[in-house]
Amino acid sequence: MTHRIYAMSFASLYPLYVAKAEKKGRTKAEVDEIIRWFTGHSQEGLDAEIAAGTNLQDFLGRAPNLNPARSLITGVVCGVRVEQVEEPLMREIRYLDKLIDELAKGKAMEKILRG
């Protein structure tokens, strides 16, 4: 079974990430930094993927360089422990959700980026 979220465009999710961060006093630039750290995209590459309406499956599947430190991301998002998500693509989506959650909760960028 394929999850509906895989077909969602990253462009439709992105403003939700930004809004969540900004509501808590964080910035779009910080959201972009997290996404670039996670995917290996340049800012131009990220902007191009958003403009193209790339779906989540392709956005993550074609990411230039998924950060190896993403395996250090642990915790719960929407009642689900991210490190225990079996399906690889869903786990990547949950990792990204978790990073944005940490930003919105006021965590320092160095900690979010597993520095």
PDB file of N, CA and C in Angstrom:
ATOM      1  N   MET A   1       0.840  -1.197   0.000  1.00  0.00           N
ATOM      2  CA  MET A   1       0.000   0.000   0.000  1.00  0.00           C
ATOM      3  C   MET A   1       0.881   1.255   0.000  1.00  0.00           C
ATOM      4  N   THR A   2       0.564   2.161  -0.894  1.00  0.00           N
ATOM      5  CA  THR A   2       1.306   3.426  -0.929  1.00  0.00           C
ATOM      6  C   THR A   2       0.526   4.467  -0.145  1.00  0.00           C
ATOM      7  N   HIS A   3       1.238   5.211   0.663  1.00  0.00           N
ATOM      8  CA  HIS A   3       0.594   6.251   1.450  1.00  0.00           C
ATOM      9  C   HIS A   3       0.292   7.454   0.568  1.00  0.00           C
ATOM     10  N   ARG A   4      -0.851   8.084   0.818  1.00  0.00           N
ATOM     11  CA  ARG A   4      -1.235   9.281   0.047  1.00  0.00           C
ATOM     12  C   ARG A   4      -0.201  10.389   0.167  1.00  0.00           C
ATOM     13  N   ILE A   5       0.446  10.477   1.326  1.00  0.00           N
ATOM     14  CA  ILE A   5       1.400  11.558   1.552  1.00  0.00           C
ATOM     15  C   ILE A   5       2.554  11.520   0.546  1.00  0.00           C
ATOM     16  N   TYR A   6       2.906  10.348   0.034  1.00  0.00           N
ATOM     17  CA  TYR A   6       4.018  10.235  -0.914  1.00  0.00           C
ATOM     18  C   TYR A   6       3.755  11.034  -2.193  1.00  0.00           C
ATOM     19  N   ALA A   7       2.491  11.121  -2.577  1.00  0.00           N
ATOM     20  CA  ALA A   7       2.119  11.823  -3.806  1.00  0.00           C
ATOM     21  C   ALA A   7       1.913  13.327  -3.581  1.00  0.00           C
ATOM     22  N   MET A   8       1.877  13.750  -2.320  1.00  0.00           N
ATOM     23  CA  MET A   8       1.723  15.176  -2.023  1.00  0.00           C
ATOM     24  C   MET A   8       2.934  15.931  -2.536  1.00  0.00           C
ATOM     25  N   SER A   9       2.703  17.125  -3.043  1.00  0.00           N
ATOM     26  CA  SER A   9       3.855  17.915  -3.486  1.00  0.00           C
ATOM     27  C   SER A   9       4.568  18.478  -2.265  1.00  0.00           C
ATOM     28  N   PHE A  10       5.886  18.502  -2.342  1.00  0.00           N
ATOM     29  CA  PHE A  10       6.655  19.094  -1.252  1.00  0.00           C
ATOM     30  C   PHE A  10       6.263  20.560  -1.103  1.00  0.00           C
ATOM     31  N   ALA A  11       5.923  21.206  -2.230  1.00  0.00           N
ATOM     32  CA  ALA A  11       5.529  22.621  -2.219  1.00  0.00           C
ATOM     33  C   ALA A  11       4.277  22.859  -1.363  1.00  0.00           C
ATOM     34  N   SER A  12       3.419  21.859  -1.228  1.00  0.00           N
ATOM     35  CA  SER A  12       2.217  22.038  -0.399  1.00  0.00           C
ATOM     36  C   SER A  12       2.532  21.854   1.092  1.00  0.00           C
ATOM     37  N   LEU A  13       3.573  21.110   1.388  1.00  0.00           N
ATOM     38  CA  LEU A  13       3.980  20.873   2.769  1.00  0.00           C
ATOM     39  C   LEU A  13       4.886  21.990   3.296  1.00  0.00           C
ATOM     40  N   TYR A  14       5.716  22.503   2.401  1.00  0.00           N
ATOM     41  CA  TYR A  14       6.724  23.501   2.771  1.00  0.00           C
ATOM     42  C   TYR A  14       6.141  24.718   3.514  1.00  0.00           C
ATOM     43  N   PRO A  15       5.052  25.350   2.991  1.00  0.00           N
ATOM     44  CA  PRO A  15       4.521  26.515   3.718  1.00  0.00           C
ATOM     45  C   PRO A  15       4.012  26.149   5.120  1.00  0.00           C
ATOM     46  N   LEU A  16       3.600  24.909   5.305  1.00  0.00           N
ATOM     47  CA  LEU A  16       3.149  24.467   6.634  1.00  0.00           C
ATOM     48  C   LEU A  16       4.337  24.405   7.589  1.00  0.00           C
ATOM     49  N   TYR A  17       5.473  23.919   7.103  1.00  0.00           N
ATOM     50  CA  TYR A  17       6.704  23.900   7.906  1.00  0.00           C
ATOM     51  C   TYR A  17       7.098  25.326   8.297  1.00  0.00           C
ATOM     52  N   VAL A  18       7.084  26.231   7.307  1.00  0.00           N
ATOM     53  CA  VAL A  18       7.474  27.621   7.552  1.00  0.00           C
ATOM     54  C   VAL A  18       6.513  28.272   8.545  1.00  0.00           C
ATOM     55  N   ALA A  19       5.213  28.066   8.349  1.00  0.00           N
ATOM     56  CA  ALA A  19       4.208  28.662   9.247  1.00  0.00           C
ATOM     57  C   ALA A  19       4.386  28.157  10.675  1.00  0.00           C
ATOM     58  N   LYS A  20       4.640  26.863  10.820  1.00  0.00           N
ATOM     59  CA  LYS A  20       4.836  26.278  12.152  1.00  0.00           C
ATOM     60  C   LYS A  20       6.033  26.920  12.849  1.00  0.00           C
ATOM     61  N   ALA A  21       7.114  27.113  12.104  1.00  0.00           N
ATOM     62  CA  ALA A  21       8.326  27.724  12.661  1.00  0.00           C
ATOM     63  C   ALA A  21       8.090  29.198  12.999  1.00  0.00           C
ATOM     64  N   GLU A  22       7.490  29.934  12.067  1.00  0.00           N
ATOM     65  CA  GLU A  22       7.289  31.375  12.263  1.00  0.00           C
ATOM     66  C   GLU A  22       6.331  31.667  13.410  1.00  0.00           C
ATOM     67  N   LYS A  23       5.345  30.777  13.590  1.00  0.00           N
ATOM     68  CA  LYS A  23       4.389  30.940  14.693  1.00  0.00           C
ATOM     69  C   LYS A  23       5.115  30.903  16.042  1.00  0.00           C
ATOM     70  N   LYS A  24       6.268  30.226  16.072  1.00  0.00           N
ATOM     71  CA  LYS A  24       7.041  30.101  17.304  1.00  0.00           C
ATOM     72  C   LYS A  24       8.270  31.012  17.307  1.00  0.00           C
ATOM     73  N   GLY A  25       8.278  32.012  16.395  1.00  0.00           N
ATOM     74  CA  GLY A  25       9.360  32.985  16.395  1.00  0.00           C
ATOM     75  C   GLY A  25      10.623  32.550  15.662  1.00  0.00           C
ATOM     76  N   ARG A  26      10.544  31.470  14.916  1.00  0.00           N
ATOM     77  CA  ARG A  26      11.693  31.025  14.120  1.00  0.00           C
ATOM     78  C   ARG A  26      11.506  31.546  12.692  1.00  0.00           C
ATOM     79  N   THR A  27      12.468  31.277  11.811  1.00  0.00           N
ATOM     80  CA  THR A  27      12.426  31.902  10.485  1.00  0.00           C
ATOM     81  C   THR A  27      12.382  30.889   9.343  1.00  0.00           C
ATOM     82  N   LYS A  28      11.934  31.388   8.180  1.00  0.00           N
ATOM     83  CA  LYS A  28      11.942  30.599   6.955  1.00  0.00           C
ATOM     84  C   LYS A  28      13.378  30.182   6.636  1.00  0.00           C
ATOM     85  N   ALA A  29      14.338  31.075   6.883  1.00  0.00           N
ATOM     86  CA  ALA A  29      15.757  30.770   6.621  1.00  0.00           C
ATOM     87  C   ALA A  29      16.206  29.557   7.441  1.00  0.00           C
ATOM     88  N   GLU A  30      15.723  29.457   8.683  1.00  0.00           N
ATOM     89  CA  GLU A  30      16.087  28.304   9.517  1.00  0.00           C
ATOM     90  C   GLU A  30      15.448  27.024   8.982  1.00  0.00           C
ATOM     91  N   VAL A  31      14.204  27.119   8.523  1.00  0.00           N
ATOM     92  CA  VAL A  31      13.535  25.959   7.920  1.00  0.00           C
ATOM     93  C   VAL A  31      14.336  25.500   6.700  1.00  0.00           C
ATOM     94  N   ASP A  32      14.721  26.462   5.852  1.00  0.00           N
ATOM     95  CA  ASP A  32      15.499  26.132   4.654  1.00  0.00           C
ATOM     96  C   ASP A  32      16.829  25.483   5.027  1.00  0.00           C
ATOM     97  N   GLU A  33      17.479  26.005   6.055  1.00  0.00           N
ATOM     98  CA  GLU A  33      18.765  25.445   6.491  1.00  0.00           C
ATOM     99  C   GLU A  33      18.601  23.988   6.915  1.00  0.00           C
ATOM    100  N   ILE A  34      17.540  23.703   7.657  1.00  0.00           N
ATOM    101  CA  ILE A  34      17.263  22.332   8.098  1.00  0.00           C
ATOM    102  C   ILE A  34      17.029  21.418   6.896  1.00  0.00           C
ATOM    103  N   ILE A  35      16.216  21.879   5.950  1.00  0.00           N
ATOM    104  CA  ILE A  35      15.905  21.053   4.776  1.00  0.00           C
ATOM    105  C   ILE A  35      17.160  20.829   3.936  1.00  0.00           C
ATOM    106  N   ARG A  36      17.989  21.871   3.794  1.00  0.00           N
ATOM    107  CA  ARG A  36      19.246  21.713   3.041  1.00  0.00           C
ATOM    108  C   ARG A  36      20.181  20.741   3.750  1.00  0.00           C
ATOM    109  N   TRP A  37      20.278  20.846   5.073  1.00  0.00           N
ATOM    110  CA  TRP A  37      21.123  19.923   5.852  1.00  0.00           C
ATOM    111  C   TRP A  37      20.640  18.483   5.656  1.00  0.00           C
ATOM    112  N   PHE A  38      19.325  18.305   5.704  1.00  0.00           N
ATOM    113  CA  PHE A  38      18.730  16.978   5.623  1.00  0.00           C
ATOM    114  C   PHE A  38      18.894  16.350   4.239  1.00  0.00           C
ATOM    115  N   THR A  39      18.680  17.157   3.180  1.00  0.00           N
ATOM    116  CA  THR A  39      18.619  16.615   1.818  1.00  0.00           C
ATOM    117  C   THR A  39      19.895  16.776   0.998  1.00  0.00           C
ATOM    118  N   GLY A  40      20.747  17.716   1.400  1.00  0.00           N
ATOM    119  CA  GLY A  40      21.927  18.005   0.600  1.00  0.00           C
ATOM    120  C   GLY A  40      21.652  18.971  -0.550  1.00  0.00           C
ATOM    121  N   HIS A  41      20.429  19.498  -0.630  1.00  0.00           N
ATOM    122  CA  HIS A  41      20.100  20.473  -1.674  1.00  0.00           C
ATOM    123  C   HIS A  41      20.806  21.790  -1.412  1.00  0.00           C
ATOM    124  N   SER A  42      21.165  22.487  -2.491  1.00  0.00           N
ATOM    125  CA  SER A  42      21.560  23.893  -2.388  1.00  0.00           C
ATOM    126  C   SER A  42      20.258  24.681  -2.240  1.00  0.00           C
ATOM    127  N   GLN A  43      20.358  25.972  -1.916  1.00  0.00           N
ATOM    128  CA  GLN A  43      19.132  26.779  -1.834  1.00  0.00           C
ATOM    129  C   GLN A  43      18.456  26.831  -3.202  1.00  0.00           C
ATOM    130  N   GLU A  44      19.245  26.941  -4.261  1.00  0.00           N
ATOM    131  CA  GLU A  44      18.687  26.981  -5.623  1.00  0.00           C
ATOM    132  C   GLU A  44      17.970  25.667  -5.941  1.00  0.00           C
ATOM    133  N   GLY A  45      18.582  24.549  -5.559  1.00  0.00           N
ATOM    134  CA  GLY A  45      17.966  23.244  -5.793  1.00  0.00           C
ATOM    135  C   GLY A  45      16.661  23.083  -5.030  1.00  0.00           C
ATOM    136  N   LEU A  46      16.661  23.547  -3.787  1.00  0.00           N
ATOM    137  CA  LEU A  46      15.459  23.481  -2.954  1.00  0.00           C
ATOM    138  C   LEU A  46      14.351  24.330  -3.578  1.00  0.00           C
ATOM    139  N   ASP A  47      14.697  25.563  -3.962  1.00  0.00           N
ATOM    140  CA  ASP A  47      13.708  26.460  -4.580  1.00  0.00           C
ATOM    141  C   ASP A  47      13.159  25.861  -5.869  1.00  0.00           C
ATOM    142  N   ALA A  48      14.018  25.211  -6.641  1.00  0.00           N
ATOM    143  CA  ALA A  48      13.596  24.599  -7.913  1.00  0.00           C
ATOM    144  C   ALA A  48      12.623  23.444  -7.666  1.00  0.00           C
ATOM    145  N   GLU A  49      12.907  22.624  -6.654  1.00  0.00           N
ATOM    146  CA  GLU A  49      12.016  21.500  -6.333  1.00  0.00           C
ATOM    147  C   GLU A  49      10.637  22.016  -5.894  1.00  0.00           C
ATOM    148  N   ILE A  50      10.640  23.080  -5.102  1.00  0.00           N
ATOM    149  CA  ILE A  50       9.380  23.670  -4.641  1.00  0.00           C
ATOM    150  C   ILE A  50       8.610  24.222  -5.843  1.00  0.00           C
ATOM    151  N   ALA A  51       9.304  24.971  -6.717  1.00  0.00           N
ATOM    152  CA  ALA A  51       8.670  25.565  -7.901  1.00  0.00           C
ATOM    153  C   ALA A  51       8.120  24.493  -8.841  1.00  0.00           C
ATOM    154  N   ALA A  52       8.828  23.364  -8.930  1.00  0.00           N
ATOM    155  CA  ALA A  52       8.412  22.287  -9.838  1.00  0.00           C
ATOM    156  C   ALA A  52       7.236  21.474  -9.291  1.00  0.00           C
ATOM    157  N   GLY A  53       6.923  21.649  -7.999  1.00  0.00           N
ATOM    158  CA  GLY A  53       5.822  20.888  -7.408  1.00  0.00           C
ATOM    159  C   GLY A  53       6.153  19.416  -7.237  1.00  0.00           C
ATOM    160  N   THR A  54       7.426  19.099  -7.054  1.00  0.00           N
ATOM    161  CA  THR A  54       7.886  17.724  -6.894  1.00  0.00           C
ATOM    162  C   THR A  54       7.163  17.034  -5.737  1.00  0.00           C
ATOM    163  N   ASN A  55       6.723  15.798  -5.955  1.00  0.00           N
ATOM    164  CA  ASN A  55       6.053  15.085  -4.862  1.00  0.00           C
ATOM    165  C   ASN A  55       7.087  14.637  -3.823  1.00  0.00           C
ATOM    166  N   LEU A  56       6.600  14.312  -2.637  1.00  0.00           N
ATOM    167  CA  LEU A  56       7.493  13.956  -1.530  1.00  0.00           C
ATOM    168  C   LEU A  56       8.370  12.752  -1.846  1.00  0.00           C
ATOM    169  N   GLN A  57       7.783  11.763  -2.514  1.00  0.00           N
ATOM    170  CA  GLN A  57       8.554  10.562  -2.847  1.00  0.00           C
ATOM    171  C   GLN A  57       9.752  10.912  -3.716  1.00  0.00           C
ATOM    172  N   ASP A  58       9.560  11.744  -4.727  1.00  0.00           N
ATOM    173  CA  ASP A  58      10.657  12.133  -5.615  1.00  0.00           C
ATOM    174  C   ASP A  58      11.592  13.127  -4.931  1.00  0.00           C
ATOM    175  N   PHE A  59      11.022  14.046  -4.140  1.00  0.00           N
ATOM    176  CA  PHE A  59      11.836  15.045  -3.449  1.00  0.00           C
ATOM    177  C   PHE A  59      12.876  14.364  -2.557  1.00  0.00           C
ATOM    178  N   LEU A  60      12.443  13.374  -1.796  1.00  0.00           N
ATOM    179  CA  LEU A  60      13.371  12.670  -0.908  1.00  0.00           C
ATOM    180  C   LEU A  60      14.178  11.619  -1.660  1.00  0.00           C
ATOM    181  N   GLY A  61      13.558  10.979  -2.635  1.00  0.00           N
ATOM    182  CA  GLY A  61      14.239   9.940  -3.401  1.00  0.00           C
ATOM    183  C   GLY A  61      15.376  10.467  -4.260  1.00  0.00           C
ATOM    184  N   ARG A  62      15.225  11.705  -4.727  1.00  0.00           N
ATOM    185  CA  ARG A  62      16.252  12.308  -5.590  1.00  0.00           C
ATOM    186  C   ARG A  62      17.127  13.309  -4.833  1.00  0.00           C
ATOM    187  N   ALA A  63      16.983  13.364  -3.515  1.00  0.00           N
ATOM    188  CA  ALA A  63      17.796  14.308  -2.731  1.00  0.00           C
ATOM    189  C   ALA A  63      19.269  14.068  -3.038  1.00  0.00           C
ATOM    190  N   PRO A  64      20.028  15.147  -3.258  1.00  0.00           N
ATOM    191  CA  PRO A  64      21.436  14.997  -3.647  1.00  0.00           C
ATOM    192  C   PRO A  64      22.270  14.189  -2.652  1.00  0.00           C
ATOM    193  N   ASN A  65      22.009  14.380  -1.351  1.00  0.00           N
ATOM    194  CA  ASN A  65      22.857  13.728  -0.358  1.00  0.00           C
ATOM    195  C   ASN A  65      22.155  13.717   0.991  1.00  0.00           C
ATOM    196  N   LEU A  66      21.302  12.716   1.229  1.00  0.00           N
ATOM    197  CA  LEU A  66      20.637  12.639   2.531  1.00  0.00           C
ATOM    198  C   LEU A  66      21.708  12.548   3.611  1.00  0.00           C
ATOM    199  N   ASN A  67      21.600  13.416   4.602  1.00  0.00           N
ATOM    200  CA  ASN A  67      22.632  13.525   5.634  1.00  0.00           C
ATOM    201  C   ASN A  67      22.731  12.234   6.450  1.00  0.00           C
ATOM    202  N   PRO A  68      23.938  11.648   6.514  1.00  0.00           N
ATOM    203  CA  PRO A  68      24.090  10.407   7.289  1.00  0.00           C
ATOM    204  C   PRO A  68      23.761  10.597   8.778  1.00  0.00           C
ATOM    205  N   ALA A  69      23.896  11.807   9.287  1.00  0.00           N
ATOM    206  CA  ALA A  69      23.602  12.069  10.702  1.00  0.00           C
ATOM    207  C   ALA A  69      22.104  12.033  10.994  1.00  0.00           C
ATOM    208  N   ARG A  70      21.272  11.905   9.952  1.00  0.00           N
ATOM    209  CA  ARG A  70      19.823  11.852  10.194  1.00  0.00           C
ATOM    210  C   ARG A  70      19.427  10.637  11.019  1.00  0.00           C
ATOM    211  N   SER A  71      20.273   9.615  11.024  1.00  0.00           N
ATOM    212  CA  SER A  71      19.969   8.430  11.831  1.00  0.00           C
ATOM    213  C   SER A  71      20.031   8.743  13.335  1.00  0.00           C
ATOM    214  N   LEU A  72      20.588   9.902  13.687  1.00  0.00           N
ATOM    215  CA  LEU A  72      20.646  10.313  15.098  1.00  0.00           C
ATOM    216  C   LEU A  72      19.335  10.961  15.550  1.00  0.00           C
ATOM    217  N   ILE A  73      18.416  11.183  14.607  1.00  0.00           N
ATOM    218  CA  ILE A  73      17.131  11.810  14.946  1.00  0.00           C
ATOM    219  C   ILE A  73      16.252  10.773  15.628  1.00  0.00           C
ATOM    220  N   THR A  74      15.836  11.098  16.842  1.00  0.00           N
ATOM    221  CA  THR A  74      14.974  10.191  17.593  1.00  0.00           C
ATOM    222  C   THR A  74      13.851  10.993  18.219  1.00  0.00           C
ATOM    223  N   GLY A  75      12.842  10.296  18.671  1.00  0.00           N
ATOM    224  CA  GLY A  75      11.738  10.960  19.355  1.00  0.00           C
ATOM    225  C   GLY A  75      10.416  10.629  18.711  1.00  0.00           C
ATOM    226  N   VAL A  76       9.400  11.348  19.158  1.00  0.00           N
ATOM    227  CA  VAL A  76       8.033  11.043  18.754  1.00  0.00           C
ATOM    228  C   VAL A  76       7.447  12.196  17.947  1.00  0.00           C
ATOM    229  N   VAL A  77       6.814  11.854  16.820  1.00  0.00           N
ATOM    230  CA  VAL A  77       6.062  12.809  16.012  1.00  0.00           C
ATOM    231  C   VAL A  77       4.689  12.194  15.788  1.00  0.00           C
ATOM    232  N   CYS A  78       3.650  12.945  16.125  1.00  0.00           N
ATOM    233  CA  CYS A  78       2.271  12.446  15.952  1.00  0.00           C
ATOM    234  C   CYS A  78       2.090  11.081  16.616  1.00  0.00           C
ATOM    235  N   GLY A  79       2.685  10.898  17.769  1.00  0.00           N
ATOM    236  CA  GLY A  79       2.523   9.656  18.513  1.00  0.00           C
ATOM    237  C   GLY A  79       3.321   8.480  17.966  1.00  0.00           C
ATOM    238  N   VAL A  80       4.188   8.737  16.983  1.00  0.00           N
ATOM    239  CA  VAL A  80       4.981   7.675  16.366  1.00  0.00           C
ATOM    240  C   VAL A  80       6.460   7.917  16.665  1.00  0.00           C
ATOM    241  N   ARG A  81       7.134   6.889  17.162  1.00  0.00           N
ATOM    242  CA  ARG A  81       8.573   6.993  17.425  1.00  0.00           C
ATOM    243  C   ARG A  81       9.299   6.893  16.085  1.00  0.00           C
ATOM    244  N   VAL A  82       9.966   7.990  15.662  1.00  0.00           N
ATOM    245  CA  VAL A  82      10.523   8.073  14.303  1.00  0.00           C
ATOM    246  C   VAL A  82      11.552   6.987  14.003  1.00  0.00           C
ATOM    247  N   GLU A  83      12.370   6.651  14.988  1.00  0.00           N
ATOM    248  CA  GLU A  83      13.430   5.670  14.723  1.00  0.00           C
ATOM    249  C   GLU A  83      12.882   4.251  14.561  1.00  0.00           C
ATOM    250  N   GLN A  84      11.601   4.057  14.881  1.00  0.00           N
ATOM    251  CA  GLN A  84      11.005   2.723  14.751  1.00  0.00           C
ATOM    252  C   GLN A  84      10.093   2.586  13.535  1.00  0.00           C
ATOM    253  N   VAL A  85       9.997   3.645  12.711  1.00  0.00           N
ATOM    254  CA  VAL A  85       9.183   3.559  11.501  1.00  0.00           C
ATOM    255  C   VAL A  85       9.869   2.604  10.531  1.00  0.00           C
ATOM    256  N   GLU A  86       9.164   1.548  10.150  1.00  0.00           N
ATOM    257  CA  GLU A  86       9.744   0.488   9.315  1.00  0.00           C
ATOM    258  C   GLU A  86       9.969   0.927   7.874  1.00  0.00           C
ATOM    259  N   GLU A  87       8.976   1.569   7.291  1.00  0.00           N
ATOM    260  CA  GLU A  87       9.011   1.910   5.875  1.00  0.00           C
ATOM    261  C   GLU A  87      10.008   3.058   5.656  1.00  0.00           C
ATOM    262  N   PRO A  88      11.040   2.855   4.829  1.00  0.00           N
ATOM    263  CA  PRO A  88      12.117   3.845   4.691  1.00  0.00           C
ATOM    264  C   PRO A  88      11.663   5.256   4.298  1.00  0.00           C
ATOM    265  N   LEU A  89      10.790   5.378   3.306  1.00  0.00           N
ATOM    266  CA  LEU A  89      10.357   6.710   2.873  1.00  0.00           C
ATOM    267  C   LEU A  89       9.558   7.414   3.968  1.00  0.00           C
ATOM    268  N   MET A  90       8.683   6.675   4.637  1.00  0.00           N
ATOM    269  CA  MET A  90       7.898   7.258   5.721  1.00  0.00           C
ATOM    270  C   MET A  90       8.834   7.704   6.855  1.00  0.00           C
ATOM    271  N   ARG A  91       9.868   6.929   7.116  1.00  0.00           N
ATOM    272  CA  ARG A  91      10.832   7.306   8.155  1.00  0.00           C
ATOM    273  C   ARG A  91      11.516   8.626   7.793  1.00  0.00           C
ATOM    274  N   GLU A  92      11.889   8.807   6.520  1.00  0.00           N
ATOM    275  CA  GLU A  92      12.517  10.066   6.084  1.00  0.00           C
ATOM    276  C   GLU A  92      11.561  11.245   6.297  1.00  0.00           C
ATOM    277  N   ILE A  93      10.297  11.047   5.952  1.00  0.00           N
ATOM    278  CA  ILE A  93       9.294  12.101   6.135  1.00  0.00           C
ATOM    279  C   ILE A  93       9.158  12.443   7.616  1.00  0.00           C
ATOM    280  N   ARG A  94       9.112  11.426   8.457  1.00  0.00           N
ATOM    281  CA  ARG A  94       9.000  11.641   9.908  1.00  0.00           C
ATOM    282  C   ARG A  94      10.237  12.337  10.471  1.00  0.00           C
ATOM    283  N   TYR A  95      11.414  11.978   9.947  1.00  0.00           N
ATOM    284  CA  TYR A  95      12.648  12.657  10.371  1.00  0.00           C
ATOM    285  C   TYR A  95      12.523  14.156  10.116  1.00  0.00           C
ATOM    286  N   LEU A  96      12.097  14.508   8.910  1.00  0.00           N
ATOM    287  CA  LEU A  96      11.970  15.918   8.551  1.00  0.00           C
ATOM    288  C   LEU A  96      10.935  16.607   9.444  1.00  0.00           C
ATOM    289  N   ASP A  97       9.806  15.940   9.681  1.00  0.00           N
ATOM    290  CA  ASP A  97       8.784  16.484  10.594  1.00  0.00           C
ATOM    291  C   ASP A  97       9.384  16.745  11.970  1.00  0.00           C
ATOM    292  N   LYS A  98      10.168  15.801  12.454  1.00  0.00           N
ATOM    293  CA  LYS A  98      10.770  15.904  13.784  1.00  0.00           C
ATOM    294  C   LYS A  98      11.717  17.098  13.860  1.00  0.00           C
ATOM    295  N   LEU A  99      12.513  17.307  12.813  1.00  0.00           N
ATOM    296  CA  LEU A  99      13.439  18.446  12.793  1.00  0.00           C
ATOM    297  C   LEU A  99      12.680  19.773  12.871  1.00  0.00           C
ATOM    298  N   ILE A 100      11.586  19.874  12.118  1.00  0.00           N
ATOM    299  CA  ILE A 100      10.779  21.101  12.140  1.00  0.00           C
ATOM    300  C   ILE A 100      10.122  21.271  13.511  1.00  0.00           C
ATOM    301  N   ASP A 101       9.664  20.173  14.105  1.00  0.00           N
ATOM    302  CA  ASP A 101       9.115  20.219  15.478  1.00  0.00           C
ATOM    303  C   ASP A 101      10.139  20.767  16.458  1.00  0.00           C
ATOM    304  N   GLU A 102      11.374  20.275  16.354  1.00  0.00           N
ATOM    305  CA  GLU A 102      12.430  20.717  17.266  1.00  0.00           C
ATOM    306  C   GLU A 102      12.689  22.206  17.091  1.00  0.00           C
ATOM    307  N   LEU A 103      12.663  22.689  15.847  1.00  0.00           N
ATOM    308  CA  LEU A 103      12.844  24.115  15.577  1.00  0.00           C
ATOM    309  C   LEU A 103      11.727  24.916  16.247  1.00  0.00           C
ATOM    310  N   ALA A 104      10.489  24.463  16.050  1.00  0.00           N
ATOM    311  CA  ALA A 104       9.331  25.163  16.617  1.00  0.00           C
ATOM    312  C   ALA A 104       9.343  25.141  18.149  1.00  0.00           C
ATOM    313  N   LYS A 105       9.967  24.123  18.711  1.00  0.00           N
ATOM    314  CA  LYS A 105      10.025  24.033  20.175  1.00  0.00           C
ATOM    315  C   LYS A 105      11.189  24.828  20.761  1.00  0.00           C
ATOM    316  N   GLY A 106      11.932  25.532  19.893  1.00  0.00           N
ATOM    317  CA  GLY A 106      12.969  26.422  20.375  1.00  0.00           C
ATOM    318  C   GLY A 106      14.350  25.810  20.554  1.00  0.00           C
ATOM    319  N   LYS A 107      14.525  24.605  20.070  1.00  0.00           N
ATOM    320  CA  LYS A 107      15.831  23.955  20.194  1.00  0.00           C
ATOM    321  C   LYS A 107      16.887  24.722  19.376  1.00  0.00           C
ATOM    322  N   ALA A 108      18.113  24.744  19.851  1.00  0.00           N
ATOM    323  CA  ALA A 108      19.198  25.434  19.150  1.00  0.00           C
ATOM    324  C   ALA A 108      19.502  24.729  17.827  1.00  0.00           C
ATOM    325  N   MET A 109      19.812  25.522  16.795  1.00  0.00           N
ATOM    326  CA  MET A 109      20.102  24.966  15.467  1.00  0.00           C
ATOM    327  C   MET A 109      21.221  23.925  15.534  1.00  0.00           C
ATOM    328  N   GLU A 110      22.245  24.173  16.317  1.00  0.00           N
ATOM    329  CA  GLU A 110      23.365  23.231  16.412  1.00  0.00           C
ATOM    330  C   GLU A 110      22.879  21.851  16.861  1.00  0.00           C
ATOM    331  N   LYS A 111      21.946  21.839  17.815  1.00  0.00           N
ATOM    332  CA  LYS A 111      21.397  20.571  18.295  1.00  0.00           C
ATOM    333  C   LYS A 111      20.479  19.929  17.247  1.00  0.00           C
ATOM    334  N   ILE A 112      19.650  20.755  16.595  1.00  0.00           N
ATOM    335  CA  ILE A 112      18.751  20.245  15.568  1.00  0.00           C
ATOM    336  C   ILE A 112      19.556  19.579  14.447  1.00  0.00           C
ATOM    337  N   LEU A 113      20.654  20.217  14.057  1.00  0.00           N
ATOM    338  CA  LEU A 113      21.494  19.708  12.968  1.00  0.00           C
ATOM    339  C   LEU A 113      22.514  18.690  13.459  1.00  0.00           C
ATOM    340  N   ARG A 114      22.249  18.169  14.650  1.00  0.00           N
ATOM    341  CA  ARG A 114      23.050  17.095  15.237  1.00  0.00           C
ATOM    342  C   ARG A 114      24.543  17.420  15.223  1.00  0.00           C
ATOM    343  N   GLY A 115      24.852  18.677  15.611  1.00  0.00           N
ATOM    344  CA  GLY A 115      26.240  19.167  15.588  1.00  0.00           C
ATOM    345  C   GLY A 115      27.007  18.815  16.837  1.00  0.00           C
TER     346      GLY A 115
END
